C-alpha atoms as a PDB file:
ATOM      1  CA  MET A   1     -56.336 -31.353 -11.557  1.00  0.00           C
ATOM      2  CA  SER A   2     -53.708 -32.060 -13.584  1.00  0.00           C
ATOM      3  CA  LEU A   3     -54.059 -29.490 -17.477  1.00  0.00           C
ATOM      4  CA  ASP A   4     -54.684 -32.905 -19.478  1.00  0.00           C
ATOM      5  CA  ASP A   5     -57.489 -33.481 -16.695  1.00  0.00           C
ATOM      6  CA  LEU A   6     -58.939 -30.128 -17.786  1.00  0.00           C
ATOM      7  CA  LYS A   7     -58.342 -30.715 -21.678  1.00  0.00           C
ATOM      8  CA  LYS A   8     -60.552 -33.978 -20.883  1.00  0.00           C
ATOM      9  CA  ALA A   9     -63.182 -32.124 -18.902  1.00  0.00           C
ATOM     10  CA  ALA A  10     -64.053 -29.825 -21.394  1.00  0.00           C
ATOM     11  CA  ALA A  11     -63.741 -32.246 -24.386  1.00  0.00           C
ATOM     12  CA  LEU A  12     -66.319 -34.387 -22.192  1.00  0.00           C
ATOM     13  CA  ALA A  13     -68.607 -31.558 -22.111  1.00  0.00           C
ATOM     14  CA  ALA A  14     -68.750 -31.046 -25.522  1.00  0.00           C
ATOM     15  CA  ILE A  15     -70.378 -34.536 -26.049  1.00  0.00           C
ATOM     16  CA  ALA A  16     -73.916 -33.028 -23.810  1.00  0.00           C
ATOM     17  CA  HIS A  17     -74.511 -30.694 -27.085  1.00  0.00           C
ATOM     18  CA  ILE A  18     -74.009 -33.527 -29.732  1.00  0.00           C
ATOM     19  CA  SER A  19     -76.249 -36.589 -30.607  1.00  0.00           C
ATOM     20  CA  SER A  20     -76.672 -39.895 -32.993  1.00  0.00           C
ATOM     21  CA  GLY A  21     -77.764 -38.460 -36.563  1.00  0.00           C
ATOM     22  CA  MET A  22     -75.374 -35.256 -36.470  1.00  0.00           C
ATOM     23  CA  LYS A  23     -72.772 -34.756 -38.986  1.00  0.00           C
ATOM     24  CA  LEU A  24     -69.802 -33.633 -37.452  1.00  0.00           C
ATOM     25  CA  GLY A  25     -66.544 -31.885 -37.712  1.00  0.00           C
ATOM     26  CA  LEU A  26     -63.537 -33.145 -35.702  1.00  0.00           C
ATOM     27  CA  GLY A  27     -61.010 -30.927 -34.275  1.00  0.00           C
ATOM     28  CA  THR A  28     -57.194 -31.175 -34.042  1.00  0.00           C
ATOM     29  CA  GLY A  29     -55.047 -30.611 -31.174  1.00  0.00           C
ATOM     30  CA  SER A  30     -54.581 -32.183 -27.554  1.00  0.00           C
ATOM     31  CA  THR A  31     -58.013 -30.806 -26.866  1.00  0.00           C
ATOM     32  CA  ALA A  32     -59.455 -32.242 -29.588  1.00  0.00           C
ATOM     33  CA  LYS A  33     -58.083 -35.546 -29.051  1.00  0.00           C
ATOM     34  CA  HIS A  34     -59.950 -36.483 -26.274  1.00  0.00           C
ATOM     35  CA  PHE A  35     -63.231 -34.999 -27.836  1.00  0.00           C
ATOM     36  CA  VAL A  36     -62.288 -37.519 -30.779  1.00  0.00           C
ATOM     37  CA  ASP A  37     -61.529 -40.559 -28.075  1.00  0.00           C
ATOM     38  CA  ALA A  38     -65.253 -39.371 -26.738  1.00  0.00           C
ATOM     39  CA  VAL A  39     -66.683 -39.340 -30.353  1.00  0.00           C
ATOM     40  CA  GLY A  40     -65.226 -43.218 -30.568  1.00  0.00           C
ATOM     41  CA  GLU A  41     -66.911 -44.376 -27.365  1.00  0.00           C
ATOM     42  CA  LYS A  42     -70.259 -42.988 -28.535  1.00  0.00           C
ATOM     43  CA  VAL A  43     -69.713 -44.588 -31.960  1.00  0.00           C
ATOM     44  CA  LYS A  44     -69.264 -48.276 -30.139  1.00  0.00           C
ATOM     45  CA  GLU A  45     -72.398 -48.132 -28.110  1.00  0.00           C
ATOM     46  CA  GLY A  46     -74.299 -47.679 -31.225  1.00  0.00           C
ATOM     47  CA  TRP A  47     -74.731 -43.774 -32.272  1.00  0.00           C
ATOM     48  CA  ASP A  48     -74.514 -43.113 -35.394  1.00  0.00           C
ATOM     49  CA  LEU A  49     -72.116 -40.152 -36.687  1.00  0.00           C
ATOM     50  CA  VAL A  50     -70.318 -39.138 -39.533  1.00  0.00           C
ATOM     51  CA  CYS A  51     -67.314 -36.665 -38.922  1.00  0.00           C
ATOM     52  CA  VAL A  52     -64.912 -34.381 -41.029  1.00  0.00           C
ATOM     53  CA  PRO A  53     -61.212 -34.968 -39.714  1.00  0.00           C
ATOM     54  CA  THR A  54     -59.742 -31.372 -39.990  1.00  0.00           C
ATOM     55  CA  SER A  55     -56.225 -32.883 -40.445  1.00  0.00           C
ATOM     56  CA  GLU A  56     -54.858 -35.522 -41.275  1.00  0.00           C
ATOM     57  CA  ALA A  57     -53.708 -36.574 -37.485  1.00  0.00           C
ATOM     58  CA  THR A  58     -57.335 -36.162 -36.947  1.00  0.00           C
ATOM     59  CA  ARG A  59     -58.273 -38.385 -39.592  1.00  0.00           C
ATOM     60  CA  LYS A  60     -55.374 -41.562 -38.741  1.00  0.00           C
ATOM     61  CA  GLN A  61     -57.242 -41.144 -35.067  1.00  0.00           C
ATOM     62  CA  ALA A  62     -60.358 -41.443 -35.745  1.00  0.00           C
ATOM     63  CA  GLU A  63     -59.903 -44.209 -38.350  1.00  0.00           C
ATOM     64  CA  GLY A  64     -58.339 -45.787 -35.305  1.00  0.00           C
ATOM     65  CA  LEU A  65     -61.584 -45.414 -33.457  1.00  0.00           C
ATOM     66  CA  GLY A  66     -63.607 -46.848 -36.165  1.00  0.00           C
ATOM     67  CA  ILE A  67     -65.303 -43.550 -36.574  1.00  0.00           C
ATOM     68  CA  ARG A  68     -67.483 -43.212 -39.957  1.00  0.00           C
ATOM     69  CA  LEU A  69     -65.479 -40.301 -41.696  1.00  0.00           C
ATOM     70  CA  THR A  70     -66.805 -38.052 -44.941  1.00  0.00           C
ATOM     71  CA  THR A  71     -65.788 -35.267 -47.178  1.00  0.00           C
ATOM     72  CA  LEU A  72     -67.337 -31.714 -47.236  1.00  0.00           C
ATOM     73  CA  ASP A  73     -66.898 -32.919 -51.038  1.00  0.00           C
ATOM     74  CA  GLU A  74     -69.722 -35.103 -49.886  1.00  0.00           C
ATOM     75  CA  THR A  75     -71.503 -33.785 -47.014  1.00  0.00           C
ATOM     76  CA  PRO A  76     -71.053 -29.542 -47.560  1.00  0.00           C
ATOM     77  CA  VAL A  77     -73.086 -29.167 -44.432  1.00  0.00           C
ATOM     78  CA  LEU A  78     -72.112 -29.916 -41.000  1.00  0.00           C
ATOM     79  CA  ASP A  79     -73.883 -29.775 -37.816  1.00  0.00           C
ATOM     80  CA  VAL A  80     -71.547 -29.074 -35.283  1.00  0.00           C
ATOM     81  CA  THR A  81     -67.707 -28.352 -35.437  1.00  0.00           C
ATOM     82  CA  VAL A  82     -65.849 -28.955 -31.946  1.00  0.00           C
ATOM     83  CA  ASP A  83     -62.714 -27.686 -31.873  1.00  0.00           C
ATOM     84  CA  GLY A  84     -59.428 -26.120 -29.272  1.00  0.00           C
ATOM     85  CA  ALA A  85     -58.076 -22.756 -29.355  1.00  0.00           C
ATOM     86  CA  ASP A  86     -55.032 -21.377 -28.324  1.00  0.00           C
ATOM     87  CA  GLU A  87     -56.594 -18.309 -27.080  1.00  0.00           C
ATOM     88  CA  LEU A  88     -60.141 -17.352 -26.995  1.00  0.00           C
ATOM     89  CA  ASP A  89     -61.327 -14.094 -25.797  1.00  0.00           C
ATOM     90  CA  SER A  90     -64.957 -12.626 -23.731  1.00  0.00           C
ATOM     91  CA  ASP A  91     -66.075 -12.025 -27.594  1.00  0.00           C
ATOM     92  CA  LEU A  92     -65.120 -16.061 -28.658  1.00  0.00           C
ATOM     93  CA  ARG A  93     -62.748 -14.860 -31.166  1.00  0.00           C
ATOM     94  CA  LEU A  94     -59.740 -17.173 -31.286  1.00  0.00           C
ATOM     95  CA  ILE A  95     -56.168 -17.913 -31.935  1.00  0.00           C
ATOM     96  CA  LYS A  96     -55.752 -21.250 -33.155  1.00  0.00           C
ATOM     97  CA  GLY A  97     -53.757 -22.930 -35.999  1.00  0.00           C
ATOM     98  CA  GLY A  98     -50.593 -23.556 -33.172  1.00  0.00           C
ATOM     99  CA  GLY A  99     -51.016 -27.447 -34.072  1.00  0.00           C
ATOM    100  CA  GLY A 100     -50.641 -26.575 -37.780  1.00  0.00           C
ATOM    101  CA  ALA A 101     -54.290 -27.352 -39.282  1.00  0.00           C
ATOM    102  CA  LEU A 102     -55.710 -23.494 -38.970  1.00  0.00           C
ATOM    103  CA  LEU A 103     -56.844 -23.782 -42.826  1.00  0.00           C
ATOM    104  CA  ARG A 104     -58.821 -27.260 -42.202  1.00  0.00           C
ATOM    105  CA  GLU A 105     -60.289 -26.005 -39.017  1.00  0.00           C
ATOM    106  CA  LYS A 106     -61.532 -23.093 -40.755  1.00  0.00           C
ATOM    107  CA  ILE A 107     -63.243 -24.345 -43.409  1.00  0.00           C
ATOM    108  CA  VAL A 108     -64.848 -27.035 -41.616  1.00  0.00           C
ATOM    109  CA  ALA A 109     -66.113 -24.628 -39.122  1.00  0.00           C
ATOM    110  CA  SER A 110     -67.443 -22.470 -41.124  1.00  0.00           C
ATOM    111  CA  SER A 111     -69.508 -25.300 -43.225  1.00  0.00           C
ATOM    112  CA  SER A 112     -71.041 -26.038 -39.995  1.00  0.00           C
ATOM    113  CA  ARG A 113     -74.146 -24.855 -38.205  1.00  0.00           C
ATOM    114  CA  LYS A 114     -72.326 -24.097 -35.077  1.00  0.00           C
ATOM    115  CA  MET A 115     -69.162 -24.218 -33.668  1.00  0.00           C
ATOM    116  CA  ILE A 116     -68.497 -25.275 -30.236  1.00  0.00           C
ATOM    117  CA  VAL A 117     -64.857 -24.802 -28.626  1.00  0.00           C
ATOM    118  CA  ILE A 118     -62.789 -26.623 -25.848  1.00  0.00           C
ATOM    119  CA  ALA A 119     -60.691 -25.394 -23.646  1.00  0.00           C
ATOM    120  CA  ASP A 120     -58.436 -25.155 -20.357  1.00  0.00           C
ATOM    121  CA  ASP A 121     -59.080 -22.034 -18.439  1.00  0.00           C
ATOM    122  CA  SER A 122     -55.011 -21.072 -19.304  1.00  0.00           C
ATOM    123  CA  LYS A 123     -57.048 -20.224 -23.387  1.00  0.00           C
ATOM    124  CA  LYS A 124     -59.400 -17.892 -21.781  1.00  0.00           C
ATOM    125  CA  VAL A 125     -57.383 -14.520 -22.265  1.00  0.00           C
ATOM    126  CA  ALA A 126     -58.476 -10.427 -21.992  1.00  0.00           C
ATOM    127  CA  THR A 127     -56.827  -9.441 -24.925  1.00  0.00           C
ATOM    128  CA  LEU A 128     -55.201 -11.493 -27.964  1.00  0.00           C
ATOM    129  CA  GLY A 129     -51.813 -11.508 -29.034  1.00  0.00           C
ATOM    130  CA  LYS A 130     -49.694 -13.455 -26.265  1.00  0.00           C
ATOM    131  CA  PHE A 131     -49.888 -16.497 -28.680  1.00  0.00           C
ATOM    132  CA  PRO A 132     -48.311 -15.941 -31.747  1.00  0.00           C
ATOM    133  CA  LEU A 133     -50.453 -15.378 -34.628  1.00  0.00           C
ATOM    134  CA  PRO A 134     -50.498 -18.184 -37.093  1.00  0.00           C
ATOM    135  CA  VAL A 135     -50.352 -17.113 -40.989  1.00  0.00           C
ATOM    136  CA  GLU A 136     -50.573 -19.813 -43.601  1.00  0.00           C
ATOM    137  CA  VAL A 137     -48.978 -18.592 -46.518  1.00  0.00           C
ATOM    138  CA  VAL A 138     -47.422 -20.562 -49.969  1.00  0.00           C
ATOM    139  CA  PRO A 139     -43.865 -21.138 -50.070  1.00  0.00           C
ATOM    140  CA  PHE A 140     -43.699 -19.086 -53.346  1.00  0.00           C
ATOM    141  CA  GLY A 141     -42.946 -15.339 -52.921  1.00  0.00           C
ATOM    142  CA  LEU A 142     -42.523 -15.779 -48.958  1.00  0.00           C
ATOM    143  CA  LYS A 143     -40.153 -12.642 -48.440  1.00  0.00           C
ATOM    144  CA  ALA A 144     -42.626 -10.217 -49.983  1.00  0.00           C
ATOM    145  CA  THR A 145     -45.623 -11.562 -48.449  1.00  0.00           C
ATOM    146  CA  GLY A 146     -44.065 -11.444 -45.168  1.00  0.00           C
ATOM    147  CA  VAL A 147     -43.208  -7.894 -46.136  1.00  0.00           C
ATOM    148  CA  LYS A 148     -46.871  -7.179 -46.927  1.00  0.00           C
ATOM    149  CA  ILE A 149     -47.624  -8.616 -43.672  1.00  0.00           C
ATOM    150  CA  GLU A 150     -45.432  -6.497 -41.808  1.00  0.00           C
ATOM    151  CA  GLN A 151     -47.639  -3.698 -43.498  1.00  0.00           C
ATOM    152  CA  ALA A 152     -50.762  -4.914 -42.497  1.00  0.00           C
ATOM    153  CA  PHE A 153     -49.548  -5.053 -39.208  1.00  0.00           C
ATOM    154  CA  ALA A 154     -48.496  -0.937 -39.445  1.00  0.00           C
ATOM    155  CA  TRP A 155     -52.068  -0.482 -40.910  1.00  0.00           C
ATOM    156  CA  SER A 156     -53.998  -1.698 -37.997  1.00  0.00           C
ATOM    157  CA  GLY A 157     -51.503  -0.538 -35.398  1.00  0.00           C
ATOM    158  CA  ASN A 158     -49.494  -3.801 -34.140  1.00  0.00           C
ATOM    159  CA  LYS A 159     -46.110  -4.550 -34.328  1.00  0.00           C
ATOM    160  CA  GLY A 160     -44.397  -7.706 -33.698  1.00  0.00           C
ATOM    161  CA  PRO A 161     -41.339 -10.371 -35.214  1.00  0.00           C
ATOM    162  CA  ILE A 162     -42.063 -13.086 -37.723  1.00  0.00           C
ATOM    163  CA  THR A 163     -40.794 -16.400 -37.795  1.00  0.00           C
ATOM    164  CA  LEU A 164     -40.942 -18.836 -40.296  1.00  0.00           C
ATOM    165  CA  ARG A 165     -42.411 -21.823 -38.304  1.00  0.00           C
ATOM    166  CA  MET A 166     -39.583 -25.174 -37.899  1.00  0.00           C
ATOM    167  CA  ARG A 167     -39.760 -28.312 -37.550  1.00  0.00           C
ATOM    168  CA  ASP A 168     -36.719 -30.725 -37.228  1.00  0.00           C
ATOM    169  CA  GLY A 169     -34.330 -28.212 -38.979  1.00  0.00           C
ATOM    170  CA  LYS A 170     -36.888 -27.674 -41.638  1.00  0.00           C
ATOM    171  CA  PRO A 171     -39.993 -25.219 -42.631  1.00  0.00           C
ATOM    172  CA  TYR A 172     -42.818 -26.769 -41.125  1.00  0.00           C
ATOM    173  CA  VAL A 173     -45.217 -27.814 -43.873  1.00  0.00           C
ATOM    174  CA  THR A 174     -48.861 -27.910 -43.558  1.00  0.00           C
ATOM    175  CA  ASP A 175     -51.024 -30.753 -44.921  1.00  0.00           C
ATOM    176  CA  ASN A 176     -52.027 -28.100 -47.506  1.00  0.00           C
ATOM    177  CA  GLY A 177     -48.477 -28.089 -48.509  1.00  0.00           C
ATOM    178  CA  ASN A 178     -48.011 -24.363 -47.646  1.00  0.00           C
ATOM    179  CA  VAL A 179     -46.029 -22.812 -44.717  1.00  0.00           C
ATOM    180  CA  ILE A 180     -46.917 -20.831 -41.122  1.00  0.00           C
ATOM    181  CA  LEU A 181     -45.821 -17.723 -39.910  1.00  0.00           C
ATOM    182  CA  ASP A 182     -45.333 -17.018 -36.542  1.00  0.00           C
ATOM    183  CA  CYS A 183     -46.625 -13.745 -36.030  1.00  0.00           C
ATOM    184  CA  ALA A 184     -44.992 -12.718 -32.270  1.00  0.00           C
ATOM    185  CA  LEU A 185     -47.228  -9.129 -31.486  1.00  0.00           C
ATOM    186  CA  GLY A 186     -47.401  -9.474 -27.629  1.00  0.00           C
ATOM    187  CA  ARG A 187     -51.467  -7.881 -28.117  1.00  0.00           C
ATOM    188  CA  ILE A 188     -53.578  -7.641 -30.981  1.00  0.00           C
ATOM    189  CA  GLU A 189     -55.523  -4.129 -31.580  1.00  0.00           C
ATOM    190  CA  ASN A 190     -58.268  -4.088 -33.876  1.00  0.00           C
ATOM    191  CA  VAL A 191     -58.551  -7.535 -34.488  1.00  0.00           C
ATOM    192  CA  GLU A 192     -61.237  -7.460 -37.292  1.00  0.00           C
ATOM    193  CA  LYS A 193     -59.034  -4.919 -39.219  1.00  0.00           C
ATOM    194  CA  LEU A 194     -56.012  -7.276 -38.808  1.00  0.00           C
ATOM    195  CA  ALA A 195     -57.928 -10.103 -39.616  1.00  0.00           C
ATOM    196  CA  ALA A 196     -59.276  -8.343 -43.128  1.00  0.00           C
ATOM    197  CA  ALA A 197     -56.082  -6.484 -44.004  1.00  0.00           C
ATOM    198  CA  LEU A 198     -54.230 -10.253 -43.643  1.00  0.00           C
ATOM    199  CA  SER A 199     -57.080 -11.477 -45.626  1.00  0.00           C
ATOM    200  CA  SER A 200     -56.456  -9.994 -49.196  1.00  0.00           C
ATOM    201  CA  ILE A 201     -53.160 -10.511 -49.182  1.00  0.00           C
ATOM    202  CA  PRO A 202     -51.973 -12.526 -51.868  1.00  0.00           C
ATOM    203  CA  GLY A 203     -49.800 -15.266 -50.854  1.00  0.00           C
ATOM    204  CA  VAL A 204     -51.508 -15.573 -47.230  1.00  0.00           C
ATOM    205  CA  VAL A 205     -53.667 -18.779 -47.691  1.00  0.00           C
ATOM    206  CA  ASP A 206     -55.381 -17.948 -44.544  1.00  0.00           C
ATOM    207  CA  HIS A 207     -54.809 -16.723 -40.945  1.00  0.00           C
ATOM    208  CA  GLY A 208     -55.404 -18.255 -37.216  1.00  0.00           C
ATOM    209  CA  LEU A 209     -58.216 -15.399 -36.423  1.00  0.00           C
ATOM    210  CA  PHE A 210     -61.090 -16.867 -36.299  1.00  0.00           C
ATOM    211  CA  ILE A 211     -64.109 -14.203 -35.679  1.00  0.00           C
ATOM    212  CA  GLY A 212     -67.851 -14.717 -35.418  1.00  0.00           C
ATOM    213  CA  MET A 213     -67.298 -18.487 -35.677  1.00  0.00           C
ATOM    214  CA  ALA A 214     -67.687 -19.706 -32.422  1.00  0.00           C
ATOM    215  CA  SER A 215     -70.965 -19.404 -30.631  1.00  0.00           C
ATOM    216  CA  LEU A 216     -70.361 -21.540 -27.060  1.00  0.00           C
ATOM    217  CA  ALA A 217     -67.025 -21.994 -25.327  1.00  0.00           C
ATOM    218  CA  LEU A 218     -66.636 -24.835 -22.709  1.00  0.00           C
ATOM    219  CA  ILE A 219     -64.065 -23.944 -20.150  1.00  0.00           C
ATOM    220  CA  ALA A 220     -63.094 -25.820 -18.199  1.00  0.00           C
ATOM    221  CA  THR A 221     -61.859 -24.909 -14.840  1.00  0.00           C
ATOM    222  CA  ALA A 222     -60.629 -26.697 -11.411  1.00  0.00           C
ATOM    223  CA  HIS A 223     -64.172 -25.713 -10.397  1.00  0.00           C
ATOM    224  CA  GLY A 224     -66.219 -26.984 -13.219  1.00  0.00           C
ATOM    225  CA  ILE A 225     -67.341 -26.239 -16.719  1.00  0.00           C
ATOM    226  CA  GLN A 226     -67.792 -22.675 -17.268  1.00  0.00           C
ATOM    227  CA  GLU A 227     -69.849 -21.867 -20.496  1.00  0.00           C
ATOM    228  CA  LEU A 228     -69.052 -18.243 -22.621  1.00  0.00           C
ATOM    229  CA  ARG A 229     -71.477 -17.825 -24.972  1.00  0.00           C
ATOM    230  CA  ARG A 230     -71.048 -15.102 -28.124  1.00  0.00           C
ATOM    231  CA  GLN A 231     -73.902 -12.524 -27.776  1.00  0.00           C
ATOM    232  CA  ALA A 232     -75.827 -12.131 -31.218  1.00  0.00           C
ATOM    233  CA  SER A 233     -74.444  -8.755 -33.281  1.00  0.00           C
END
């Protein structure tokens, strides 16, 4: 199976966890895109679904498929959000934001009764951090915010270069008008401590560490779908 085949398999496995009448959060990224396509097929079959997209790209895709959309202002509590991940560990802690939609993804996921992660098995890691951690920041005071992020790294036992995400020779701008700093830590120590430190920095809008949010991961392997559930604390 190709990598895209695995992504599609994970996405299709998530369909078994939704049903007509649900309010869904639609994720962003290459794996989530397959799930949105599958939701579009269910809508064509007559399923009654109303969805909140986590990015403008997902919104456009869903509209093109005839999926009925809402907002969190109109529908503040969702049943399930299905989204991908750039990395996940055995505790279902995630790194997200490679696609630049981490803020809306986190808002939508936190507004859902359940978050299901869909991924191919290359995203499953023993320790988070090989994938650079995205941190969404406001452009004002960017360098000062970067210094505080480095201090948060040191305080939590982490270290690594910080790079401003660029696209077409210009700083990448999120759907929210912010920029993203990609932090190449290699291996994240004290994940919860780092997450709390980053969240406390003025200028940091949010970060790509999703902790205690996903309850189920559907991981596509060459031998089938692996289900990974977060243990209740």
